Amino acid sequence: AAAAAGIVRLIHNSGTMRLLVGAELSEQDVEAIKEGYDLRQTIS
């Protein structure tokens, strides 16, 4: 949200943004993935 504060200015410049982030998954999230739940859906 803090980075997004400047987004309007970047958009005005026809700019692009790329973010590379890590995610914190709970034990339950990891178990769901191991049981075959969709990785993208669980992370989302």
PDB file of all heavy atoms in Angstrom:
ATOM      1  N   ALA A   1       0.828  -1.205   0.000  1.00  0.00           N
ATOM      2  CA  ALA A   1       0.000   0.000   0.000  1.00  0.00           C
ATOM      3  C   ALA A   1       0.863   1.256   0.000  1.00  0.00           C
ATOM      4  O   ALA A   1       0.545   2.245  -0.668  1.00  0.00           O
ATOM      5  CB  ALA A   1      -0.934   0.001   1.206  1.00  0.00           C
ATOM      6  N   ALA A   2       1.994   1.221   0.711  1.00  0.00           N
ATOM      7  CA  ALA A   2       2.892   2.376   0.725  1.00  0.00           C
ATOM      8  C   ALA A   2       3.487   2.606  -0.657  1.00  0.00           C
ATOM      9  O   ALA A   2       3.540   3.737  -1.140  1.00  0.00           O
ATOM     10  CB  ALA A   2       3.998   2.188   1.754  1.00  0.00           C
ATOM     11  N   ALA A   3       3.921   1.543  -1.309  1.00  0.00           N
ATOM     12  CA  ALA A   3       4.463   1.676  -2.662  1.00  0.00           C
ATOM     13  C   ALA A   3       3.392   2.192  -3.610  1.00  0.00           C
ATOM     14  O   ALA A   3       3.670   2.981  -4.505  1.00  0.00           O
ATOM     15  CB  ALA A   3       5.003   0.338  -3.148  1.00  0.00           C
ATOM     16  N   ALA A   4       2.161   1.771  -3.380  1.00  0.00           N
ATOM     17  CA  ALA A   4       1.067   2.182  -4.254  1.00  0.00           C
ATOM     18  C   ALA A   4       0.780   3.674  -4.173  1.00  0.00           C
ATOM     19  O   ALA A   4       0.165   4.235  -5.070  1.00  0.00           O
ATOM     20  CB  ALA A   4      -0.195   1.383  -3.921  1.00  0.00           C
ATOM     21  N   ALA A   5       1.255   4.322  -3.121  1.00  0.00           N
ATOM     22  CA  ALA A   5       1.040   5.767  -2.994  1.00  0.00           C
ATOM     23  C   ALA A   5       1.646   6.525  -4.168  1.00  0.00           C
ATOM     24  O   ALA A   5       1.141   7.568  -4.558  1.00  0.00           O
ATOM     25  CB  ALA A   5       1.625   6.272  -1.677  1.00  0.00           C
ATOM     26  N   GLY A   6       2.713   6.010  -4.736  1.00  0.00           N
ATOM     27  CA  GLY A   6       3.353   6.669  -5.865  1.00  0.00           C
ATOM     28  C   GLY A   6       2.948   6.118  -7.218  1.00  0.00           C
ATOM     29  O   GLY A   6       3.417   6.575  -8.252  1.00  0.00           O
ATOM     30  N   ILE A   7       2.048   5.156  -7.214  1.00  0.00           N
ATOM     31  CA  ILE A   7       1.666   4.479  -8.445  1.00  0.00           C
ATOM     32  C   ILE A   7       1.025   5.426  -9.449  1.00  0.00           C
ATOM     33  O   ILE A   7       1.275   5.326 -10.650  1.00  0.00           O
ATOM     34  CB  ILE A   7       0.691   3.318  -8.136  1.00  0.00           C
ATOM     35  CG1 ILE A   7       1.373   2.284  -7.263  1.00  0.00           C
ATOM     36  CG2 ILE A   7       0.183   2.685  -9.409  1.00  0.00           C
ATOM     37  CD1 ILE A   7       2.599   1.678  -7.842  1.00  0.00           C
ATOM     38  N   VAL A   8       0.210   6.340  -8.988  1.00  0.00           N
ATOM     39  CA  VAL A   8      -0.464   7.261  -9.910  1.00  0.00           C
ATOM     40  C   VAL A   8       0.570   8.014 -10.734  1.00  0.00           C
ATOM     41  O   VAL A   8       0.400   8.213 -11.936  1.00  0.00           O
ATOM     42  CB  VAL A   8      -1.383   8.234  -9.141  1.00  0.00           C
ATOM     43  CG1 VAL A   8      -1.929   9.306 -10.048  1.00  0.00           C
ATOM     44  CG2 VAL A   8      -2.511   7.458  -8.491  1.00  0.00           C
ATOM     45  N   ARG A   9       1.657   8.396 -10.099  1.00  0.00           N
ATOM     46  CA  ARG A   9       2.713   9.112 -10.816  1.00  0.00           C
ATOM     47  C   ARG A   9       3.402   8.200 -11.824  1.00  0.00           C
ATOM     48  O   ARG A   9       3.739   8.620 -12.929  1.00  0.00           O
ATOM     49  CB  ARG A   9       3.711   9.682  -9.816  1.00  0.00           C
ATOM     50  CG  ARG A   9       3.054  10.744  -8.954  1.00  0.00           C
ATOM     51  CD  ARG A   9       3.894  11.129  -7.791  1.00  0.00           C
ATOM     52  NE  ARG A   9       3.193  12.180  -7.035  1.00  0.00           N
ATOM     53  CZ  ARG A   9       3.553  12.598  -5.864  1.00  0.00           C
ATOM     54  NH1 ARG A   9       4.609  12.091  -5.287  1.00  0.00           N
ATOM     55  NH2 ARG A   9       2.871  13.536  -5.250  1.00  0.00           N
ATOM     56  N   LEU A  10       3.610   6.949 -11.452  1.00  0.00           N
ATOM     57  CA  LEU A  10       4.214   5.989 -12.365  1.00  0.00           C
ATOM     58  C   LEU A  10       3.272   5.723 -13.541  1.00  0.00           C
ATOM     59  O   LEU A  10       3.716   5.661 -14.691  1.00  0.00           O
ATOM     60  CB  LEU A  10       4.537   4.695 -11.613  1.00  0.00           C
ATOM     61  CG  LEU A  10       5.351   3.652 -12.352  1.00  0.00           C
ATOM     62  CD1 LEU A  10       6.762   4.151 -12.637  1.00  0.00           C
ATOM     63  CD2 LEU A  10       5.415   2.364 -11.544  1.00  0.00           C
ATOM     64  N   ILE A  11       1.991   5.579 -13.270  1.00  0.00           N
ATOM     65  CA  ILE A  11       0.999   5.375 -14.331  1.00  0.00           C
ATOM     66  C   ILE A  11       1.007   6.570 -15.286  1.00  0.00           C
ATOM     67  O   ILE A  11       0.959   6.411 -16.509  1.00  0.00           O
ATOM     68  CB  ILE A  11      -0.413   5.156 -13.736  1.00  0.00           C
ATOM     69  CG1 ILE A  11      -0.471   3.806 -13.018  1.00  0.00           C
ATOM     70  CG2 ILE A  11      -1.478   5.233 -14.822  1.00  0.00           C
ATOM     71  CD1 ILE A  11      -1.734   3.598 -12.200  1.00  0.00           C
ATOM     72  N   HIS A  12       1.090   7.782 -14.737  1.00  0.00           N
ATOM     73  CA  HIS A  12       1.118   9.002 -15.553  1.00  0.00           C
ATOM     74  C   HIS A  12       2.301   8.979 -16.525  1.00  0.00           C
ATOM     75  O   HIS A  12       2.213   9.505 -17.633  1.00  0.00           O
ATOM     76  CB  HIS A  12       1.194  10.233 -14.649  1.00  0.00           C
ATOM     77  CG  HIS A  12       1.277  11.519 -15.394  1.00  0.00           C
ATOM     78  ND1 HIS A  12       0.193  12.057 -16.048  1.00  0.00           N
ATOM     79  CD2 HIS A  12       2.323  12.354 -15.620  1.00  0.00           C
ATOM     80  CE1 HIS A  12       0.562  13.182 -16.640  1.00  0.00           C
ATOM     81  NE2 HIS A  12       1.852  13.388 -16.397  1.00  0.00           N
ATOM     82  N   ASN A  13       3.404   8.329 -16.126  1.00  0.00           N
ATOM     83  CA  ASN A  13       4.590   8.216 -16.967  1.00  0.00           C
ATOM     84  C   ASN A  13       4.527   7.000 -17.894  1.00  0.00           C
ATOM     85  O   ASN A  13       5.524   6.643 -18.504  1.00  0.00           O
ATOM     86  CB  ASN A  13       5.848   8.096 -16.094  1.00  0.00           C
ATOM     87  CG  ASN A  13       6.085   9.310 -15.241  1.00  0.00           C
ATOM     88  OD1 ASN A  13       5.590  10.387 -15.524  1.00  0.00           O
ATOM     89  ND2 ASN A  13       6.850   9.145 -14.168  1.00  0.00           N
ATOM     90  N   SER A  14       3.359   6.342 -17.974  1.00  0.00           N
ATOM     91  CA  SER A  14       3.189   5.096 -18.732  1.00  0.00           C
ATOM     92  C   SER A  14       4.176   4.047 -18.242  1.00  0.00           C
ATOM     93  O   SER A  14       4.740   3.270 -19.023  1.00  0.00           O
ATOM     94  CB  SER A  14       3.366   5.331 -20.242  1.00  0.00           C
ATOM     95  OG  SER A  14       2.398   6.237 -20.701  1.00  0.00           O
ATOM     96  N   GLY A  15       4.392   4.028 -16.932  1.00  0.00           N
ATOM     97  CA  GLY A  15       5.384   3.150 -16.332  1.00  0.00           C
ATOM     98  C   GLY A  15       4.897   1.744 -16.071  1.00  0.00           C
ATOM     99  O   GLY A  15       3.711   1.432 -16.183  1.00  0.00           O
ATOM    100  N   THR A  16       5.840   0.896 -15.714  1.00  0.00           N
ATOM    101  CA  THR A  16       5.560  -0.493 -15.357  1.00  0.00           C
ATOM    102  C   THR A  16       6.178  -0.792 -13.998  1.00  0.00           C
ATOM    103  O   THR A  16       7.131  -0.138 -13.580  1.00  0.00           O
ATOM    104  CB  THR A  16       6.144  -1.478 -16.386  1.00  0.00           C
ATOM    105  OG1 THR A  16       7.559  -1.315 -16.439  1.00  0.00           O
ATOM    106  CG2 THR A  16       5.533  -1.270 -17.763  1.00  0.00           C
ATOM    107  N   MET A  17       5.624  -1.796 -13.330  1.00  0.00           N
ATOM    108  CA  MET A  17       6.113  -2.198 -12.015  1.00  0.00           C
ATOM    109  C   MET A  17       6.248  -3.717 -11.995  1.00  0.00           C
ATOM    110  O   MET A  17       5.361  -4.430 -12.485  1.00  0.00           O
ATOM    111  CB  MET A  17       5.130  -1.753 -10.932  1.00  0.00           C
ATOM    112  CG  MET A  17       5.501  -2.210  -9.539  1.00  0.00           C
ATOM    113  SD  MET A  17       4.244  -1.808  -8.309  1.00  0.00           S
ATOM    114  CE  MET A  17       4.673  -0.131  -7.954  1.00  0.00           C
ATOM    115  N   ARG A  18       7.363  -4.189 -11.443  1.00  0.00           N
ATOM    116  CA  ARG A  18       7.561  -5.622 -11.232  1.00  0.00           C
ATOM    117  C   ARG A  18       7.922  -5.832  -9.773  1.00  0.00           C
ATOM    118  O   ARG A  18       8.824  -5.174  -9.261  1.00  0.00           O
ATOM    119  CB  ARG A  18       8.669  -6.160 -12.127  1.00  0.00           C
ATOM    120  CG  ARG A  18       8.341  -6.059 -13.612  1.00  0.00           C
ATOM    121  CD  ARG A  18       9.403  -6.652 -14.493  1.00  0.00           C
ATOM    122  NE  ARG A  18      10.703  -6.059 -14.216  1.00  0.00           N
ATOM    123  CZ  ARG A  18      11.838  -6.486 -14.741  1.00  0.00           C
ATOM    124  NH1 ARG A  18      11.855  -7.507 -15.552  1.00  0.00           N
ATOM    125  NH2 ARG A  18      12.986  -5.892 -14.450  1.00  0.00           N
ATOM    126  N   LEU A  19       7.199  -6.743  -9.135  1.00  0.00           N
ATOM    127  CA  LEU A  19       7.447  -7.044  -7.726  1.00  0.00           C
ATOM    128  C   LEU A  19       7.798  -8.520  -7.590  1.00  0.00           C
ATOM    129  O   LEU A  19       7.141  -9.387  -8.170  1.00  0.00           O
ATOM    130  CB  LEU A  19       6.201  -6.741  -6.885  1.00  0.00           C
ATOM    131  CG  LEU A  19       5.676  -5.317  -6.923  1.00  0.00           C
ATOM    132  CD1 LEU A  19       4.366  -5.217  -6.145  1.00  0.00           C
ATOM    133  CD2 LEU A  19       6.705  -4.354  -6.354  1.00  0.00           C
ATOM    134  N   LEU A  20       8.824  -8.787  -6.816  1.00  0.00           N
ATOM    135  CA  LEU A  20       9.233 -10.142  -6.484  1.00  0.00           C
ATOM    136  C   LEU A  20       9.116 -10.242  -4.973  1.00  0.00           C
ATOM    137  O   LEU A  20       9.843  -9.559  -4.248  1.00  0.00           O
ATOM    138  CB  LEU A  20      10.674 -10.374  -6.941  1.00  0.00           C
ATOM    139  CG  LEU A  20      11.269 -11.754  -6.769  1.00  0.00           C
ATOM    140  CD1 LEU A  20      10.503 -12.774  -7.610  1.00  0.00           C
ATOM    141  CD2 LEU A  20      12.735 -11.736  -7.179  1.00  0.00           C
ATOM    142  N   VAL A  21       8.155 -11.044  -4.498  1.00  0.00           N
ATOM    143  CA  VAL A  21       7.886 -11.097  -3.066  1.00  0.00           C
ATOM    144  C   VAL A  21       7.865 -12.538  -2.572  1.00  0.00           C
ATOM    145  O   VAL A  21       7.600 -13.464  -3.332  1.00  0.00           O
ATOM    146  CB  VAL A  21       6.529 -10.426  -2.705  1.00  0.00           C
ATOM    147  CG1 VAL A  21       6.513  -8.972  -3.119  1.00  0.00           C
ATOM    148  CG2 VAL A  21       5.353 -11.155  -3.352  1.00  0.00           C
ATOM    149  N   GLY A  22       8.152 -12.695  -1.298  1.00  0.00           N
ATOM    150  CA  GLY A  22       8.000 -13.976  -0.644  1.00  0.00           C
ATOM    151  C   GLY A  22       6.649 -14.005   0.053  1.00  0.00           C
ATOM    152  O   GLY A  22       6.015 -12.969   0.241  1.00  0.00           O
ATOM    153  N   ALA A  23       6.204 -15.178   0.407  1.00  0.00           N
ATOM    154  CA  ALA A  23       4.930 -15.314   1.117  1.00  0.00           C
ATOM    155  C   ALA A  23       5.149 -16.148   2.364  1.00  0.00           C
ATOM    156  O   ALA A  23       5.969 -17.059   2.368  1.00  0.00           O
ATOM    157  CB  ALA A  23       3.881 -15.978   0.230  1.00  0.00           C
ATOM    158  N   GLU A  24       4.426 -15.809   3.411  1.00  0.00           N
ATOM    159  CA  GLU A  24       4.471 -16.603   4.629  1.00  0.00           C
ATOM    160  C   GLU A  24       3.280 -17.551   4.614  1.00  0.00           C
ATOM    161  O   GLU A  24       2.136 -17.118   4.593  1.00  0.00           O
ATOM    162  CB  GLU A  24       4.403 -15.694   5.852  1.00  0.00           C
ATOM    163  CG  GLU A  24       5.636 -14.840   6.011  1.00  0.00           C
ATOM    164  CD  GLU A  24       5.583 -13.991   7.267  1.00  0.00           C
ATOM    165  OE1 GLU A  24       4.598 -14.069   8.027  1.00  0.00           O
ATOM    166  OE2 GLU A  24       6.538 -13.243   7.483  1.00  0.00           O
ATOM    167  N   LEU A  25       3.569 -18.840   4.587  1.00  0.00           N
ATOM    168  CA  LEU A  25       2.514 -19.843   4.579  1.00  0.00           C
ATOM    169  C   LEU A  25       2.427 -20.498   5.949  1.00  0.00           C
ATOM    170  O   LEU A  25       3.447 -20.754   6.593  1.00  0.00           O
ATOM    171  CB  LEU A  25       2.798 -20.909   3.518  1.00  0.00           C
ATOM    172  CG  LEU A  25       2.870 -20.423   2.069  1.00  0.00           C
ATOM    173  CD1 LEU A  25       3.201 -21.586   1.145  1.00  0.00           C
ATOM    174  CD2 LEU A  25       1.576 -19.763   1.648  1.00  0.00           C
ATOM    175  N   SER A  26       1.207 -20.774   6.379  1.00  0.00           N
ATOM    176  CA  SER A  26       1.011 -21.457   7.649  1.00  0.00           C
ATOM    177  C   SER A  26       1.216 -22.957   7.448  1.00  0.00           C
ATOM    178  O   SER A  26       1.285 -23.446   6.311  1.00  0.00           O
ATOM    179  CB  SER A  26      -0.413 -21.193   8.167  1.00  0.00           C
ATOM    180  OG  SER A  26      -1.350 -21.855   7.326  1.00  0.00           O
ATOM    181  N   GLU A  27       1.293 -23.675   8.548  1.00  0.00           N
ATOM    182  CA  GLU A  27       1.385 -25.136   8.472  1.00  0.00           C
ATOM    183  C   GLU A  27       0.183 -25.693   7.699  1.00  0.00           C
ATOM    184  O   GLU A  27       0.326 -26.623   6.911  1.00  0.00           O
ATOM    185  CB  GLU A  27       1.425 -25.742   9.883  1.00  0.00           C
ATOM    186  CG  GLU A  27       2.679 -25.435  10.666  1.00  0.00           C
ATOM    187  CD  GLU A  27       3.853 -26.308  10.279  1.00  0.00           C
ATOM    188  OE1 GLU A  27       3.668 -27.324   9.589  1.00  0.00           O
ATOM    189  OE2 GLU A  27       4.984 -25.944  10.656  1.00  0.00           O
ATOM    190  N   GLN A  28      -1.001 -25.111   7.941  1.00  0.00           N
ATOM    191  CA  GLN A  28      -2.213 -25.572   7.256  1.00  0.00           C
ATOM    192  C   GLN A  28      -2.128 -25.326   5.753  1.00  0.00           C
ATOM    193  O   GLN A  28      -2.576 -26.159   4.954  1.00  0.00           O
ATOM    194  CB  GLN A  28      -3.464 -24.878   7.827  1.00  0.00           C
ATOM    195  CG  GLN A  28      -3.772 -25.235   9.257  1.00  0.00           C
ATOM    196  CD  GLN A  28      -2.947 -24.432  10.266  1.00  0.00           C
ATOM    197  OE1 GLN A  28      -2.246 -23.487   9.918  1.00  0.00           O
ATOM    198  NE2 GLN A  28      -3.025 -24.829  11.528  1.00  0.00           N
ATOM    199  N   ASP A  29      -1.553 -24.186   5.351  1.00  0.00           N
ATOM    200  CA  ASP A  29      -1.385 -23.901   3.926  1.00  0.00           C
ATOM    201  C   ASP A  29      -0.495 -24.954   3.278  1.00  0.00           C
ATOM    202  O   ASP A  29      -0.815 -25.491   2.208  1.00  0.00           O
ATOM    203  CB  ASP A  29      -0.739 -22.521   3.714  1.00  0.00           C
ATOM    204  CG  ASP A  29      -1.609 -21.367   4.165  1.00  0.00           C
ATOM    205  OD1 ASP A  29      -2.853 -21.503   4.145  1.00  0.00           O
ATOM    206  OD2 ASP A  29      -1.037 -20.325   4.533  1.00  0.00           O
ATOM    207  N   VAL A  30       0.620 -25.275   3.930  1.00  0.00           N
ATOM    208  CA  VAL A  30       1.561 -26.246   3.390  1.00  0.00           C
ATOM    209  C   VAL A  30       0.919 -27.626   3.325  1.00  0.00           C
ATOM    210  O   VAL A  30       1.064 -28.347   2.330  1.00  0.00           O
ATOM    211  CB  VAL A  30       2.869 -26.270   4.213  1.00  0.00           C
ATOM    212  CG1 VAL A  30       3.778 -27.412   3.770  1.00  0.00           C
ATOM    213  CG2 VAL A  30       3.589 -24.928   4.080  1.00  0.00           C
ATOM    214  N   GLU A  31       0.169 -28.010   4.358  1.00  0.00           N
ATOM    215  CA  GLU A  31      -0.523 -29.297   4.346  1.00  0.00           C
ATOM    216  C   GLU A  31      -1.530 -29.358   3.203  1.00  0.00           C
ATOM    217  O   GLU A  31      -1.651 -30.382   2.533  1.00  0.00           O
ATOM    218  CB  GLU A  31      -1.210 -29.572   5.694  1.00  0.00           C
ATOM    219  CG  GLU A  31      -0.255 -30.023   6.775  1.00  0.00           C
ATOM    220  CD  GLU A  31       0.552 -31.253   6.380  1.00  0.00           C
ATOM    221  OE1 GLU A  31      -0.020 -32.242   5.871  1.00  0.00           O
ATOM    222  OE2 GLU A  31       1.782 -31.216   6.569  1.00  0.00           O
ATOM    223  N   ALA A  32      -2.248 -28.271   2.967  1.00  0.00           N
ATOM    224  CA  ALA A  32      -3.217 -28.234   1.875  1.00  0.00           C
ATOM    225  C   ALA A  32      -2.518 -28.446   0.537  1.00  0.00           C
ATOM    226  O   ALA A  32      -3.009 -29.180  -0.333  1.00  0.00           O
ATOM    227  CB  ALA A  32      -3.977 -26.907   1.881  1.00  0.00           C
ATOM    228  N   ILE A  33      -1.359 -27.828   0.359  1.00  0.00           N
ATOM    229  CA  ILE A  33      -0.602 -27.985  -0.881  1.00  0.00           C
ATOM    230  C   ILE A  33      -0.142 -29.429  -1.027  1.00  0.00           C
ATOM    231  O   ILE A  33      -0.261 -30.036  -2.104  1.00  0.00           O
ATOM    232  CB  ILE A  33       0.592 -27.005  -0.915  1.00  0.00           C
ATOM    233  CG1 ILE A  33       0.073 -25.561  -1.018  1.00  0.00           C
ATOM    234  CG2 ILE A  33       1.542 -27.337  -2.065  1.00  0.00           C
ATOM    235  CD1 ILE A  33       1.125 -24.506  -0.746  1.00  0.00           C
ATOM    236  N   LYS A  34       0.336 -30.032   0.061  1.00  0.00           N
ATOM    237  CA  LYS A  34       0.794 -31.427   0.023  1.00  0.00           C
ATOM    238  C   LYS A  34      -0.356 -32.375  -0.302  1.00  0.00           C
ATOM    239  O   LYS A  34      -0.148 -33.421  -0.916  1.00  0.00           O
ATOM    240  CB  LYS A  34       1.433 -31.822   1.356  1.00  0.00           C
ATOM    241  CG  LYS A  34       2.803 -31.215   1.562  1.00  0.00           C
ATOM    242  CD  LYS A  34       3.393 -31.643   2.900  1.00  0.00           C
ATOM    243  CE  LYS A  34       4.771 -31.055   3.114  1.00  0.00           C
ATOM    244  NZ  LYS A  34       5.330 -31.426   4.425  1.00  0.00           N
ATOM    245  N   GLU A  35      -1.576 -32.017   0.108  1.00  0.00           N
ATOM    246  CA  GLU A  35      -2.742 -32.856  -0.156  1.00  0.00           C
ATOM    247  C   GLU A  35      -3.277 -32.650  -1.564  1.00  0.00           C
ATOM    248  O   GLU A  35      -4.279 -33.242  -1.938  1.00  0.00           O
ATOM    249  CB  GLU A  35      -3.840 -32.568   0.868  1.00  0.00           C
ATOM    250  CG  GLU A  35      -3.484 -33.048   2.260  1.00  0.00           C
ATOM    251  CD  GLU A  35      -4.516 -32.646   3.301  1.00  0.00           C
ATOM    252  OE1 GLU A  35      -5.625 -32.214   2.928  1.00  0.00           O
ATOM    253  OE2 GLU A  35      -4.198 -32.756   4.499  1.00  0.00           O
ATOM    254  N   GLY A  36      -2.615 -31.780  -2.320  1.00  0.00           N
ATOM    255  CA  GLY A  36      -3.013 -31.626  -3.711  1.00  0.00           C
ATOM    256  C   GLY A  36      -3.807 -30.373  -4.026  1.00  0.00           C
ATOM    257  O   GLY A  36      -4.239 -30.196  -5.159  1.00  0.00           O
ATOM    258  N   TYR A  37      -4.033 -29.525  -3.020  1.00  0.00           N
ATOM    259  CA  TYR A  37      -4.737 -28.286  -3.311  1.00  0.00           C
ATOM    260  C   TYR A  37      -3.879 -27.427  -4.228  1.00  0.00           C
ATOM    261  O   TYR A  37      -2.640 -27.509  -4.205  1.00  0.00           O
ATOM    262  CB  TYR A  37      -5.062 -27.520  -2.022  1.00  0.00           C
ATOM    263  CG  TYR A  37      -6.183 -28.125  -1.239  1.00  0.00           C
ATOM    264  CD1 TYR A  37      -5.946 -29.159  -0.341  1.00  0.00           C
ATOM    265  CD2 TYR A  37      -7.492 -27.658  -1.395  1.00  0.00           C
ATOM    266  CE1 TYR A  37      -6.984 -29.730   0.377  1.00  0.00           C
ATOM    267  CE2 TYR A  37      -8.529 -28.230  -0.678  1.00  0.00           C
ATOM    268  CZ  TYR A  37      -8.275 -29.267   0.203  1.00  0.00           C
ATOM    269  OH  TYR A  37      -9.289 -29.835   0.903  1.00  0.00           O
ATOM    270  N   ASP A  38      -4.519 -26.613  -5.018  1.00  0.00           N
ATOM    271  CA  ASP A  38      -3.829 -25.776  -5.987  1.00  0.00           C
ATOM    272  C   ASP A  38      -2.870 -24.808  -5.301  1.00  0.00           C
ATOM    273  O   ASP A  38      -3.267 -24.048  -4.421  1.00  0.00           O
ATOM    274  CB  ASP A  38      -4.860 -24.999  -6.822  1.00  0.00           C
ATOM    275  CG  ASP A  38      -4.202 -24.156  -7.889  1.00  0.00           C
ATOM    276  OD1 ASP A  38      -3.599 -24.733  -8.802  1.00  0.00           O
ATOM    277  OD2 ASP A  38      -4.281 -22.915  -7.787  1.00  0.00           O
ATOM    278  N   LEU A  39      -1.610 -24.831  -5.712  1.00  0.00           N
ATOM    279  CA  LEU A  39      -0.575 -23.981  -5.130  1.00  0.00           C
ATOM    280  C   LEU A  39      -0.923 -22.505  -5.268  1.00  0.00           C
ATOM    281  O   LEU A  39      -0.863 -21.747  -4.304  1.00  0.00           O
ATOM    282  CB  LEU A  39       0.777 -24.277  -5.794  1.00  0.00           C
ATOM    283  CG  LEU A  39       1.967 -23.420  -5.369  1.00  0.00           C
ATOM    284  CD1 LEU A  39       2.296 -23.660  -3.906  1.00  0.00           C
ATOM    285  CD2 LEU A  39       3.172 -23.711  -6.240  1.00  0.00           C
ATOM    286  N   ARG A  40      -1.310 -22.077  -6.469  1.00  0.00           N
ATOM    287  CA  ARG A  40      -1.644 -20.663  -6.694  1.00  0.00           C
ATOM    288  C   ARG A  40      -2.803 -20.217  -5.809  1.00  0.00           C
ATOM    289  O   ARG A  40      -2.772 -19.144  -5.239  1.00  0.00           O
ATOM    290  CB  ARG A  40      -2.005 -20.413  -8.155  1.00  0.00           C
ATOM    291  CG  ARG A  40      -0.843 -20.375  -9.084  1.00  0.00           C
ATOM    292  CD  ARG A  40      -1.354 -20.092 -10.492  1.00  0.00           C
ATOM    293  NE  ARG A  40      -0.289 -20.140 -11.441  1.00  0.00           N
ATOM    294  CZ  ARG A  40       0.295 -19.068 -11.959  1.00  0.00           C
ATOM    295  NH1 ARG A  40      -0.115 -17.881 -11.604  1.00  0.00           N
ATOM    296  NH2 ARG A  40       1.265 -19.180 -12.819  1.00  0.00           N
ATOM    297  N   GLN A  41      -3.827 -21.052  -5.737  1.00  0.00           N
ATOM    298  CA  GLN A  41      -5.003 -20.687  -4.944  1.00  0.00           C
ATOM    299  C   GLN A  41      -4.645 -20.579  -3.464  1.00  0.00           C
ATOM    300  O   GLN A  41      -5.065 -19.644  -2.786  1.00  0.00           O
ATOM    301  CB  GLN A  41      -6.108 -21.734  -5.147  1.00  0.00           C
ATOM    302  CG  GLN A  41      -7.395 -21.422  -4.436  1.00  0.00           C
ATOM    303  CD  GLN A  41      -8.098 -20.197  -5.015  1.00  0.00           C
ATOM    304  OE1 GLN A  41      -7.921 -19.842  -6.165  1.00  0.00           O
ATOM    305  NE2 GLN A  41      -8.870 -19.523  -4.189  1.00  0.00           N
ATOM    306  N   THR A  42      -3.858 -21.499  -2.955  1.00  0.00           N
ATOM    307  CA  THR A  42      -3.469 -21.489  -1.547  1.00  0.00           C
ATOM    308  C   THR A  42      -2.627 -20.257  -1.229  1.00  0.00           C
ATOM    309  O   THR A  42      -2.852 -19.580  -0.219  1.00  0.00           O
ATOM    310  CB  THR A  42      -2.695 -22.776  -1.192  1.00  0.00           C
ATOM    311  OG1 THR A  42      -3.514 -23.909  -1.507  1.00  0.00           O
ATOM    312  CG2 THR A  42      -2.328 -22.813   0.276  1.00  0.00           C
ATOM    313  N   ILE A  43      -1.662 -19.947  -2.088  1.00  0.00           N
ATOM    314  CA  ILE A  43      -0.826 -18.767  -1.871  1.00  0.00           C
ATOM    315  C   ILE A  43      -1.662 -17.496  -1.963  1.00  0.00           C
ATOM    316  O   ILE A  43      -1.520 -16.586  -1.153  1.00  0.00           O
ATOM    317  CB  ILE A  43       0.347 -18.741  -2.871  1.00  0.00           C
ATOM    318  CG1 ILE A  43       1.286 -19.901  -2.574  1.00  0.00           C
ATOM    319  CG2 ILE A  43       1.085 -17.410  -2.816  1.00  0.00           C
ATOM    320  CD1 ILE A  43       2.342 -20.121  -3.635  1.00  0.00           C
ATOM    321  N   SER A  44      -2.544 -17.430  -2.952  1.00  0.00           N
ATOM    322  CA  SER A  44      -3.407 -16.252  -3.102  1.00  0.00           C
ATOM    323  C   SER A  44      -4.235 -16.019  -1.846  1.00  0.00           C
ATOM    324  O   SER A  44      -4.332 -14.893  -1.353  1.00  0.00           O
ATOM    325  CB  SER A  44      -4.348 -16.419  -4.298  1.00  0.00           C
ATOM    326  OG  SER A  44      -3.625 -16.460  -5.483  1.00  0.00           O
TER     327      SER A  44
END
